[in-house]
Amino acid sequence: MSTIKRIKTGDIVKVISGSNKGVTGKVVKVLPKEDSALVEGVGNKVRHIRPTMLNPKGGKKDIHVPVKLSKLVLVIDEKTSKTSRVGYLQSVDGRRVRVARQANNREIK
């Protein structure tokens, strides 16, 4: 588990492996302890609920399953869906900023 999380809430990401390969979506929440993230439109599953005294019919419940961060890559240009790895550089005023490696270290907003 890495200590630096390169994907943040609100980023547009693309899934690079698995059954949802090629799907892009917005990051809803990052779960650093699980090294995963919840992405809009990815990981929607159905959980079957067994009958109980409170819910005698049972039924189905929609859940949102997180995706591992290693399967996600940041989209830096939404029109062409160009992706890039994320790095960190020190700016002139001393802040640590995220940069897109495939875009010649352009700062990510």
N, C-alpha and C. Protein backbone atom coordinates (compact mmCIF):
# COMPACT_ATOMS: atom_id res chain seq x y z
N MET A 1 0.84 -1.18 0.00
CA MET A 1 0.00 0.00 0.00
C MET A 1 0.89 1.24 0.00
N SER A 2 0.71 2.11 -0.98
CA SER A 2 1.53 3.32 -1.05
C SER A 2 0.96 4.40 -0.14
N THR A 3 1.83 5.28 0.32
CA THR A 3 1.38 6.35 1.21
C THR A 3 0.85 7.54 0.44
N ILE A 4 1.30 7.74 -0.80
CA ILE A 4 0.86 8.86 -1.61
C ILE A 4 -0.29 8.39 -2.51
N LYS A 5 -1.43 9.07 -2.40
CA LYS A 5 -2.56 8.73 -3.25
C LYS A 5 -2.57 9.69 -4.43
N ARG A 6 -2.35 9.17 -5.61
CA ARG A 6 -2.23 10.00 -6.80
C ARG A 6 -3.58 10.30 -7.43
N ILE A 7 -4.61 9.54 -7.08
CA ILE A 7 -5.97 9.77 -7.58
C ILE A 7 -6.76 10.40 -6.43
N LYS A 8 -7.48 11.47 -6.74
CA LYS A 8 -8.23 12.19 -5.70
C LYS A 8 -9.71 12.25 -6.07
N THR A 9 -10.53 12.57 -5.10
CA THR A 9 -11.97 12.71 -5.31
C THR A 9 -12.24 13.82 -6.32
N GLY A 10 -13.09 13.53 -7.30
CA GLY A 10 -13.42 14.50 -8.33
C GLY A 10 -12.64 14.32 -9.61
N ASP A 11 -11.57 13.51 -9.60
CA ASP A 11 -10.79 13.27 -10.82
C ASP A 11 -11.59 12.41 -11.80
N ILE A 12 -11.31 12.60 -13.09
CA ILE A 12 -11.87 11.72 -14.12
C ILE A 12 -10.82 10.63 -14.37
N VAL A 13 -11.24 9.37 -14.24
CA VAL A 13 -10.31 8.25 -14.39
C VAL A 13 -10.82 7.26 -15.42
N LYS A 14 -9.92 6.41 -15.89
CA LYS A 14 -10.25 5.36 -16.85
C LYS A 14 -9.79 4.03 -16.26
N VAL A 15 -10.63 3.01 -16.40
CA VAL A 15 -10.29 1.67 -15.92
C VAL A 15 -9.42 0.99 -16.97
N ILE A 16 -8.24 0.47 -16.57
CA ILE A 16 -7.30 -0.09 -17.53
C ILE A 16 -7.26 -1.62 -17.52
N SER A 17 -7.97 -2.26 -16.58
CA SER A 17 -8.01 -3.72 -16.59
C SER A 17 -9.27 -4.20 -15.89
N GLY A 18 -9.62 -5.45 -16.14
CA GLY A 18 -10.80 -6.04 -15.53
C GLY A 18 -12.00 -6.03 -16.46
N SER A 19 -13.15 -6.37 -15.91
CA SER A 19 -14.37 -6.48 -16.73
C SER A 19 -14.87 -5.12 -17.20
N ASN A 20 -14.49 -4.05 -16.51
CA ASN A 20 -14.92 -2.70 -16.91
C ASN A 20 -13.84 -1.95 -17.66
N LYS A 21 -12.93 -2.66 -18.32
CA LYS A 21 -11.80 -2.04 -19.02
C LYS A 21 -12.29 -1.04 -20.07
N GLY A 22 -11.69 0.17 -20.05
CA GLY A 22 -12.03 1.20 -21.02
C GLY A 22 -13.10 2.16 -20.57
N VAL A 23 -13.76 1.89 -19.45
CA VAL A 23 -14.83 2.75 -18.96
C VAL A 23 -14.22 3.94 -18.22
N THR A 24 -14.74 5.15 -18.50
CA THR A 24 -14.28 6.33 -17.77
C THR A 24 -15.38 6.80 -16.84
N GLY A 25 -14.98 7.42 -15.75
CA GLY A 25 -15.94 7.94 -14.79
C GLY A 25 -15.28 8.85 -13.79
N LYS A 26 -16.10 9.51 -13.01
CA LYS A 26 -15.61 10.45 -12.00
C LYS A 26 -15.45 9.72 -10.66
N VAL A 27 -14.38 10.04 -9.94
CA VAL A 27 -14.12 9.42 -8.64
C VAL A 27 -15.05 10.05 -7.61
N VAL A 28 -15.87 9.21 -6.98
CA VAL A 28 -16.81 9.67 -5.97
C VAL A 28 -16.12 9.75 -4.61
N LYS A 29 -15.32 8.73 -4.30
CA LYS A 29 -14.66 8.67 -3.00
C LYS A 29 -13.42 7.79 -3.11
N VAL A 30 -12.36 8.18 -2.42
CA VAL A 30 -11.14 7.38 -2.37
C VAL A 30 -11.07 6.73 -1.00
N LEU A 31 -10.78 5.42 -0.98
CA LEU A 31 -10.67 4.67 0.27
C LEU A 31 -9.21 4.26 0.46
N PRO A 32 -8.39 5.11 1.12
CA PRO A 32 -6.95 4.85 1.20
C PRO A 32 -6.58 3.58 1.97
N LYS A 33 -7.35 3.23 2.99
CA LYS A 33 -7.02 2.02 3.77
C LYS A 33 -7.22 0.75 2.94
N GLU A 34 -8.16 0.79 2.01
CA GLU A 34 -8.42 -0.36 1.14
C GLU A 34 -7.67 -0.25 -0.18
N ASP A 35 -6.97 0.88 -0.41
CA ASP A 35 -6.23 1.13 -1.64
C ASP A 35 -7.16 1.03 -2.86
N SER A 36 -8.34 1.64 -2.73
CA SER A 36 -9.34 1.56 -3.79
C SER A 36 -10.15 2.85 -3.84
N ALA A 37 -11.02 2.94 -4.84
CA ALA A 37 -11.85 4.13 -5.02
C ALA A 37 -13.21 3.74 -5.58
N LEU A 38 -14.22 4.57 -5.28
CA LEU A 38 -15.55 4.40 -5.85
C LEU A 38 -15.64 5.30 -7.07
N VAL A 39 -16.00 4.71 -8.22
CA VAL A 39 -16.06 5.43 -9.48
C VAL A 39 -17.49 5.37 -10.01
N GLU A 40 -18.00 6.53 -10.49
CA GLU A 40 -19.35 6.58 -11.05
C GLU A 40 -19.46 5.65 -12.25
N GLY A 41 -20.48 4.81 -12.25
CA GLY A 41 -20.74 3.93 -13.38
C GLY A 41 -19.92 2.65 -13.40
N VAL A 42 -19.04 2.47 -12.42
CA VAL A 42 -18.21 1.27 -12.36
C VAL A 42 -18.43 0.61 -11.00
N GLY A 43 -18.63 -0.69 -11.01
CA GLY A 43 -18.76 -1.42 -9.74
C GLY A 43 -20.15 -1.42 -9.17
N ASN A 44 -21.17 -1.26 -10.00
CA ASN A 44 -22.55 -1.35 -9.51
C ASN A 44 -22.95 -2.82 -9.52
N LYS A 45 -23.25 -3.35 -8.35
CA LYS A 45 -23.60 -4.77 -8.21
C LYS A 45 -24.92 -4.88 -7.45
N VAL A 46 -25.48 -6.09 -7.43
CA VAL A 46 -26.71 -6.37 -6.71
C VAL A 46 -26.40 -7.39 -5.62
N ARG A 47 -26.78 -7.06 -4.40
CA ARG A 47 -26.62 -7.99 -3.28
C ARG A 47 -28.00 -8.54 -2.93
N HIS A 48 -28.09 -9.86 -2.78
CA HIS A 48 -29.36 -10.50 -2.44
C HIS A 48 -29.50 -10.52 -0.92
N ILE A 49 -30.67 -10.09 -0.45
CA ILE A 49 -30.94 -10.01 0.98
C ILE A 49 -31.83 -11.19 1.38
N ARG A 50 -31.39 -11.92 2.40
CA ARG A 50 -32.20 -13.06 2.83
C ARG A 50 -33.40 -12.59 3.65
N PRO A 51 -34.48 -13.33 3.64
CA PRO A 51 -35.66 -12.95 4.41
C PRO A 51 -35.37 -12.95 5.92
N THR A 52 -35.86 -11.93 6.59
CA THR A 52 -35.75 -11.83 8.05
C THR A 52 -37.12 -11.48 8.61
N MET A 53 -37.20 -11.35 9.93
CA MET A 53 -38.48 -10.98 10.53
C MET A 53 -38.85 -9.54 10.16
N LEU A 54 -37.86 -8.67 10.02
CA LEU A 54 -38.12 -7.29 9.64
C LEU A 54 -38.44 -7.16 8.16
N ASN A 55 -37.83 -8.02 7.34
CA ASN A 55 -38.03 -7.99 5.90
C ASN A 55 -38.37 -9.41 5.45
N PRO A 56 -39.63 -9.84 5.63
CA PRO A 56 -39.98 -11.24 5.37
C PRO A 56 -39.85 -11.68 3.92
N LYS A 57 -39.91 -10.75 2.96
CA LYS A 57 -39.79 -11.13 1.55
C LYS A 57 -38.34 -11.25 1.09
N GLY A 58 -37.42 -10.63 1.82
CA GLY A 58 -36.04 -10.60 1.34
C GLY A 58 -35.95 -9.60 0.19
N GLY A 59 -35.15 -9.91 -0.81
CA GLY A 59 -35.09 -9.05 -1.98
C GLY A 59 -33.69 -8.77 -2.44
N LYS A 60 -33.53 -7.67 -3.19
CA LYS A 60 -32.24 -7.29 -3.76
C LYS A 60 -31.90 -5.88 -3.32
N LYS A 61 -30.61 -5.61 -3.22
CA LYS A 61 -30.13 -4.29 -2.81
C LYS A 61 -28.97 -3.92 -3.71
N ASP A 62 -29.01 -2.71 -4.29
CA ASP A 62 -27.92 -2.23 -5.14
C ASP A 62 -26.79 -1.72 -4.25
N ILE A 63 -25.56 -2.16 -4.55
CA ILE A 63 -24.39 -1.69 -3.80
C ILE A 63 -23.35 -1.16 -4.78
N HIS A 64 -22.43 -0.35 -4.27
CA HIS A 64 -21.36 0.23 -5.08
C HIS A 64 -20.05 -0.39 -4.61
N VAL A 65 -19.42 -1.18 -5.47
CA VAL A 65 -18.19 -1.90 -5.12
C VAL A 65 -16.99 -1.06 -5.54
N PRO A 66 -15.99 -0.88 -4.65
CA PRO A 66 -14.81 -0.08 -5.01
C PRO A 66 -13.90 -0.79 -6.01
N VAL A 67 -13.11 0.01 -6.74
CA VAL A 67 -12.15 -0.47 -7.73
C VAL A 67 -10.75 -0.20 -7.19
N LYS A 68 -9.84 -1.15 -7.35
CA LYS A 68 -8.46 -0.97 -6.89
C LYS A 68 -7.82 0.21 -7.63
N LEU A 69 -7.00 0.98 -6.92
CA LEU A 69 -6.34 2.15 -7.52
C LEU A 69 -5.35 1.74 -8.60
N SER A 70 -4.81 0.53 -8.52
CA SER A 70 -3.86 0.08 -9.53
C SER A 70 -4.54 -0.16 -10.88
N LYS A 71 -5.86 -0.28 -10.90
CA LYS A 71 -6.60 -0.48 -12.14
C LYS A 71 -7.09 0.83 -12.76
N LEU A 72 -6.78 1.96 -12.10
CA LEU A 72 -7.25 3.26 -12.57
C LEU A 72 -6.09 4.11 -13.06
N VAL A 73 -6.36 4.91 -14.10
CA VAL A 73 -5.37 5.85 -14.61
C VAL A 73 -6.09 7.19 -14.82
N LEU A 74 -5.39 8.28 -14.56
CA LEU A 74 -5.97 9.61 -14.63
C LEU A 74 -6.15 10.04 -16.08
N VAL A 75 -7.32 10.61 -16.41
CA VAL A 75 -7.59 11.16 -17.73
C VAL A 75 -7.25 12.65 -17.68
N ILE A 76 -6.30 13.08 -18.52
CA ILE A 76 -5.88 14.48 -18.49
C ILE A 76 -6.58 15.32 -19.55
N ASP A 77 -7.12 14.68 -20.59
CA ASP A 77 -7.86 15.40 -21.63
C ASP A 77 -9.14 14.62 -21.92
N GLU A 78 -10.28 15.19 -21.50
CA GLU A 78 -11.55 14.47 -21.63
C GLU A 78 -12.01 14.32 -23.07
N LYS A 79 -11.69 15.28 -23.94
CA LYS A 79 -12.14 15.21 -25.33
C LYS A 79 -11.48 14.05 -26.08
N THR A 80 -10.17 13.89 -25.91
CA THR A 80 -9.45 12.81 -26.59
C THR A 80 -9.26 11.60 -25.68
N SER A 81 -9.69 11.69 -24.43
CA SER A 81 -9.53 10.68 -23.38
C SER A 81 -8.07 10.21 -23.26
N LYS A 82 -7.15 11.18 -23.32
CA LYS A 82 -5.72 10.90 -23.14
C LYS A 82 -5.44 10.70 -21.66
N THR A 83 -4.66 9.68 -21.35
CA THR A 83 -4.37 9.35 -19.96
C THR A 83 -2.90 9.62 -19.64
N SER A 84 -2.60 9.64 -18.34
CA SER A 84 -1.23 9.90 -17.92
C SER A 84 -1.00 9.34 -16.53
N ARG A 85 0.25 9.02 -16.25
CA ARG A 85 0.65 8.70 -14.89
C ARG A 85 0.75 10.01 -14.12
N VAL A 86 0.71 9.93 -12.81
CA VAL A 86 0.75 11.12 -11.97
C VAL A 86 2.05 11.14 -11.18
N GLY A 87 2.69 12.30 -11.16
CA GLY A 87 3.89 12.48 -10.36
C GLY A 87 3.76 13.72 -9.51
N TYR A 88 4.76 13.98 -8.70
CA TYR A 88 4.76 15.16 -7.84
C TYR A 88 6.04 15.93 -8.06
N LEU A 89 5.93 17.27 -8.11
CA LEU A 89 7.08 18.16 -8.20
C LEU A 89 6.91 19.28 -7.20
N GLN A 90 8.03 19.88 -6.83
CA GLN A 90 8.02 21.04 -5.94
C GLN A 90 7.85 22.29 -6.79
N SER A 91 6.86 23.12 -6.49
CA SER A 91 6.66 24.36 -7.25
C SER A 91 7.59 25.44 -6.73
N VAL A 92 7.62 26.57 -7.42
CA VAL A 92 8.53 27.66 -7.04
C VAL A 92 8.19 28.24 -5.67
N ASP A 93 6.91 28.21 -5.29
CA ASP A 93 6.54 28.75 -3.98
C ASP A 93 6.62 27.71 -2.87
N GLY A 94 7.14 26.51 -3.18
CA GLY A 94 7.37 25.49 -2.16
C GLY A 94 6.26 24.47 -2.00
N ARG A 95 5.16 24.63 -2.75
CA ARG A 95 4.07 23.64 -2.65
C ARG A 95 4.42 22.39 -3.44
N ARG A 96 3.86 21.27 -3.02
CA ARG A 96 4.00 20.03 -3.76
C ARG A 96 2.78 19.92 -4.67
N VAL A 97 3.00 19.84 -5.99
CA VAL A 97 1.89 19.83 -6.95
C VAL A 97 1.91 18.52 -7.74
N ARG A 98 0.69 18.09 -8.13
CA ARG A 98 0.56 16.91 -8.98
C ARG A 98 0.82 17.31 -10.42
N VAL A 99 1.57 16.46 -11.15
CA VAL A 99 1.87 16.73 -12.54
C VAL A 99 1.57 15.50 -13.38
N ALA A 100 1.22 15.73 -14.65
CA ALA A 100 0.95 14.65 -15.60
C ALA A 100 2.25 14.31 -16.32
N ARG A 101 2.75 13.11 -16.15
CA ARG A 101 4.03 12.70 -16.72
C ARG A 101 3.99 12.65 -18.25
N GLN A 102 2.86 12.21 -18.86
CA GLN A 102 2.78 12.10 -20.30
C GLN A 102 2.52 13.43 -20.97
N ALA A 103 2.32 14.50 -20.21
CA ALA A 103 2.08 15.83 -20.76
C ALA A 103 3.24 16.76 -20.38
N ASN A 104 4.45 16.22 -20.38
CA ASN A 104 5.66 16.99 -20.07
C ASN A 104 5.57 17.71 -18.73
N ASN A 105 5.14 16.97 -17.71
CA ASN A 105 5.04 17.47 -16.34
C ASN A 105 4.15 18.69 -16.20
N ARG A 106 3.02 18.69 -16.93
CA ARG A 106 2.05 19.77 -16.81
C ARG A 106 1.28 19.62 -15.49
N GLU A 107 1.03 20.72 -14.81
CA GLU A 107 0.35 20.68 -13.52
C GLU A 107 -1.11 20.26 -13.70
N ILE A 108 -1.60 19.41 -12.79
CA ILE A 108 -2.97 18.93 -12.81
C ILE A 108 -3.78 19.80 -11.86
N LYS A 109 -4.92 20.28 -12.33
CA LYS A 109 -5.76 21.13 -11.47
C LYS A 109 -6.72 20.31 -10.68
